[in-house]
Protein backbone atom coordinates (compact mmCIF):
# COMPACT_ATOMS: atom_id res chain seq x y z
CA MET A 1 1.04 26.41 -65.16
CA PHE A 2 1.16 24.14 -62.09
CA ASP A 3 -0.47 20.74 -61.87
CA PHE A 4 -2.32 21.02 -58.53
CA SER A 5 -3.79 17.52 -58.89
CA ILE A 6 -0.54 16.13 -57.46
CA VAL A 7 -0.79 18.46 -54.44
CA LYS A 8 -4.47 17.58 -54.02
CA SER A 9 -3.72 13.85 -54.30
CA THR A 10 -0.91 14.08 -51.73
CA ALA A 11 -3.12 16.10 -49.34
CA GLN A 12 -5.87 13.48 -49.68
CA LYS A 13 -3.39 10.69 -48.92
CA ILE A 14 -2.17 12.55 -45.84
CA LYS A 15 -5.75 13.15 -44.69
CA LYS A 16 -6.59 9.47 -45.28
CA GLU A 17 -3.57 8.38 -43.22
CA ASP A 18 -4.53 10.83 -40.45
CA ASP A 19 -8.09 9.43 -40.43
CA ASN A 20 -6.67 5.89 -40.39
CA LEU A 21 -4.52 6.69 -37.33
CA THR A 22 -7.48 8.32 -35.58
CA ASN A 23 -9.64 5.25 -36.26
CA LYS A 24 -6.93 2.93 -34.93
CA ARG A 25 -6.66 4.99 -31.74
CA VAL A 26 -10.44 5.04 -31.29
CA GLU A 27 -10.65 1.25 -31.74
CA LEU A 28 -7.80 0.74 -29.29
CA GLY A 29 -9.53 3.07 -26.83
CA LYS A 30 -12.67 0.93 -27.08
CA LYS A 31 -10.60 -2.22 -26.54
CA LEU A 32 -8.97 -0.64 -23.50
CA GLN A 33 -12.37 0.34 -22.12
CA GLU A 34 -13.55 -3.26 -22.52
CA LEU A 35 -10.47 -4.56 -20.73
CA TYR A 36 -11.28 -2.31 -17.77
CA THR A 37 -15.01 -2.95 -17.66
CA LEU A 38 -15.79 -6.51 -18.77
CA PRO A 39 -16.28 -8.88 -15.85
CA LEU A 40 -13.70 -11.50 -14.99
CA PRO A 41 -14.35 -15.09 -16.04
CA GLN A 42 -16.21 -16.84 -13.23
CA ASP A 43 -13.31 -19.07 -12.11
CA ASP A 44 -10.93 -16.12 -12.11
CA PHE A 45 -13.41 -14.09 -10.05
CA VAL A 46 -13.66 -16.91 -7.50
CA ASN A 47 -9.85 -17.12 -7.35
CA PHE A 48 -9.68 -13.34 -6.83
CA LEU A 49 -12.11 -13.62 -3.89
CA HIS A 50 -10.17 -16.54 -2.43
CA GLU A 51 -6.91 -14.59 -2.68
CA ASN A 52 -8.56 -11.72 -0.83
CA VAL A 53 -9.66 -14.04 1.98
CA THR A 54 -6.15 -15.51 2.19
CA GLU A 55 -4.50 -12.07 2.30
CA LYS A 56 -6.85 -10.72 4.97
CA GLY A 57 -6.40 -13.91 6.97
CA LYS A 58 -2.60 -13.59 6.86
CA GLN A 59 -2.84 -10.15 8.48
CA TYR A 60 -4.75 -11.56 11.45
CA GLY A 61 -2.69 -14.76 11.53
CA ASN A 62 0.57 -12.83 11.87
CA ARG A 63 -0.81 -10.66 14.67
CA PHE A 64 -2.29 -13.67 16.47
CA LYS A 65 0.98 -15.59 16.26
CA ASN A 66 2.88 -12.61 17.71
CA MET A 67 0.37 -12.30 20.56
CA ALA A 68 0.42 -16.06 21.23
CA ALA A 69 4.23 -16.12 21.22
CA GLY A 70 4.15 -13.42 23.90
CA VAL A 71 1.76 -15.51 26.00
CA LEU A 72 3.88 -18.65 25.59
CA GLN A 73 6.99 -16.73 26.64
CA GLY A 74 5.24 -15.35 29.72
CA ASN A 75 5.09 -11.76 28.45
CA GLN A 76 1.31 -11.64 28.60
CA SER A 77 0.71 -13.27 31.99
CA LYS A 78 -1.40 -10.31 33.19
CA LEU A 79 -3.82 -10.93 30.31
CA ILE A 80 -4.11 -14.63 31.15
CA VAL A 81 -4.78 -13.98 34.84
CA SER A 82 -7.41 -11.34 34.05
CA GLY A 83 -9.04 -13.54 31.40
CA ASN A 84 -8.85 -10.72 28.85
CA LEU A 85 -6.73 -12.40 26.19
CA PRO A 86 -7.56 -10.46 23.00
CA VAL A 87 -8.24 -13.42 20.69
CA TRP A 88 -10.39 -11.40 18.28
CA ALA A 89 -8.19 -8.33 18.30
CA PRO A 90 -4.57 -9.10 19.09
CA HIS A 91 -2.59 -6.01 19.97
CA ALA A 92 -0.23 -4.34 17.49
CA GLY A 93 -2.83 -4.69 14.78
CA THR A 94 -2.96 -2.53 11.69
CA SER A 95 -6.74 -2.57 11.40
CA ALA A 96 -9.18 -0.78 13.66
CA TYR A 97 -11.69 -3.54 12.87
CA PRO A 98 -9.83 -6.88 12.87
CA LEU A 99 -12.92 -9.10 13.12
CA PRO A 100 -13.22 -9.61 9.33
CA GLU A 101 -9.52 -10.48 9.23
CA ALA A 102 -9.97 -12.93 12.09
CA ILE A 103 -12.91 -14.57 10.31
CA CYS A 104 -10.83 -14.85 7.12
CA TYR A 105 -8.09 -16.60 9.12
CA LEU A 106 -10.17 -18.81 11.40
CA PHE A 107 -12.83 -19.79 8.86
CA SER A 108 -10.84 -19.53 5.64
CA ASP A 109 -11.94 -22.82 4.08
CA GLN A 110 -15.61 -22.33 4.94
CA LEU A 111 -15.54 -18.76 3.68
CA LYS A 112 -13.93 -19.77 0.40
CA GLU A 113 -16.49 -22.54 -0.15
CA GLY A 114 -19.30 -20.11 0.64
CA LEU A 115 -17.94 -17.53 -1.79
CA LYS A 116 -17.57 -20.15 -4.52
CA LYS A 117 -21.19 -21.21 -3.97
CA ALA A 118 -22.40 -17.60 -3.91
CA VAL A 119 -20.66 -16.82 -7.19
CA SER A 120 -22.03 -19.99 -8.80
CA GLU A 121 -25.54 -18.80 -7.91
CA LEU A 122 -25.05 -15.42 -9.59
CA ASP A 123 -26.66 -14.66 -12.93
CA TYR A 124 -23.19 -14.53 -14.47
CA PRO A 125 -22.86 -12.66 -17.76
CA GLU A 126 -22.19 -14.64 -20.92
CA VAL A 127 -19.70 -12.08 -22.21
CA VAL A 128 -16.65 -11.82 -19.98
CA GLY A 129 -13.20 -10.37 -20.38
CA PRO A 130 -9.88 -12.13 -20.15
CA THR A 131 -8.41 -13.42 -16.90
CA ARG A 132 -6.61 -10.95 -14.64
CA ALA A 133 -3.20 -12.13 -15.82
CA GLU A 134 -4.08 -11.94 -19.51
CA ARG A 135 -5.96 -8.66 -18.99
CA ALA A 136 -2.89 -7.01 -17.48
CA LYS A 137 -0.75 -8.06 -20.45
CA GLN A 138 -3.34 -6.86 -22.95
CA ILE A 139 -3.74 -3.49 -21.20
CA VAL A 140 0.02 -2.88 -21.41
CA LYS A 141 0.04 -3.80 -25.11
CA VAL A 142 -2.99 -1.66 -25.99
CA GLU A 143 -1.62 1.35 -24.09
CA LYS A 144 1.71 1.01 -25.95
CA ASP A 145 -0.12 0.77 -29.26
CA ILE A 146 -2.19 3.87 -28.48
CA GLU A 147 1.00 5.74 -27.60
CA LYS A 148 2.69 4.54 -30.81
CA PHE A 149 -0.22 5.64 -33.03
CA THR A 150 -0.50 8.95 -31.19
CA LYS A 151 3.19 9.69 -31.85
CA LEU A 152 2.83 8.69 -35.51
CA GLN A 153 -0.18 10.96 -35.85
CA GLU A 154 1.56 13.85 -34.10
CA LYS A 155 4.54 13.46 -36.45
CA LEU A 156 2.29 13.26 -39.52
CA ARG A 157 0.49 16.43 -38.48
CA ALA A 158 3.71 18.28 -37.67
CA ASP A 159 5.18 17.29 -41.05
CA ALA A 160 1.97 18.34 -42.83
CA LYS A 161 1.96 21.67 -40.99
CA ARG A 162 5.59 22.33 -41.96
CA ALA A 163 4.58 21.64 -45.57
CA GLY A 164 1.74 24.17 -45.27
CA LEU A 165 -1.09 21.64 -45.03
CA SER A 166 -3.69 21.84 -42.29
CA LEU A 167 -5.28 18.81 -40.70
CA THR A 168 -8.07 20.27 -38.60
CA GLN A 169 -9.27 17.24 -36.66
CA SER A 170 -8.04 17.35 -33.07
CA LEU A 171 -5.93 14.56 -31.63
CA ALA A 172 -8.38 14.67 -28.72
CA ALA A 173 -10.87 12.92 -31.00
CA ALA A 174 -9.15 9.66 -30.06
CA PRO A 175 -7.72 8.63 -26.72
CA ALA A 176 -4.05 9.29 -26.16
CA LYS A 177 -4.01 7.07 -23.11
CA MET A 178 -6.22 4.90 -20.96
CA PRO A 179 -9.77 6.18 -20.49
CA LYS A 180 -11.03 6.24 -16.93
CA PRO A 181 -12.98 3.08 -16.06
CA GLY A 182 -16.69 3.68 -16.56
CA THR A 183 -16.11 6.45 -19.11
CA PRO A 184 -17.96 5.57 -22.32
CA VAL A 185 -15.87 5.62 -25.46
CA ASN A 186 -17.87 6.19 -28.64
């Protein structure tokens, strides 16, 4: 007669390990969702806005410098005589609406101070996520961990199947990769 208690015990251990891997993947999926949805710390948010102003201003500044160099070299004399020097929209621009870029360049300091003040007046949440730099590192790590646990679970299930054991829970029960931002993870 066969002692099926050993088979039953082994099957239970395999099922427990499969459940453990699923739980790890679900928890990592929740962590990933938080990393994508929690707001930035207030200072980091202000820095992000300031960087945006700087970047937009650079676009206008480069175009303005090219236009001004042309005027200084006499290449734009027709514009000077006609009084139609395009200060707000220098030619060769990449944007159809360069006024915001011009404002970011010409009023950069005032705009940054105004944004800092506006953010300080917000009802800022108490619970925030990590900074952008730390968030990026954590996202990479969590995604690698999800991939690692997914592969372990796939191997466990393939080995169990080859041994004639069936693990019925779908791998789709836990995220295999990053959930889309805004998608709730239960």
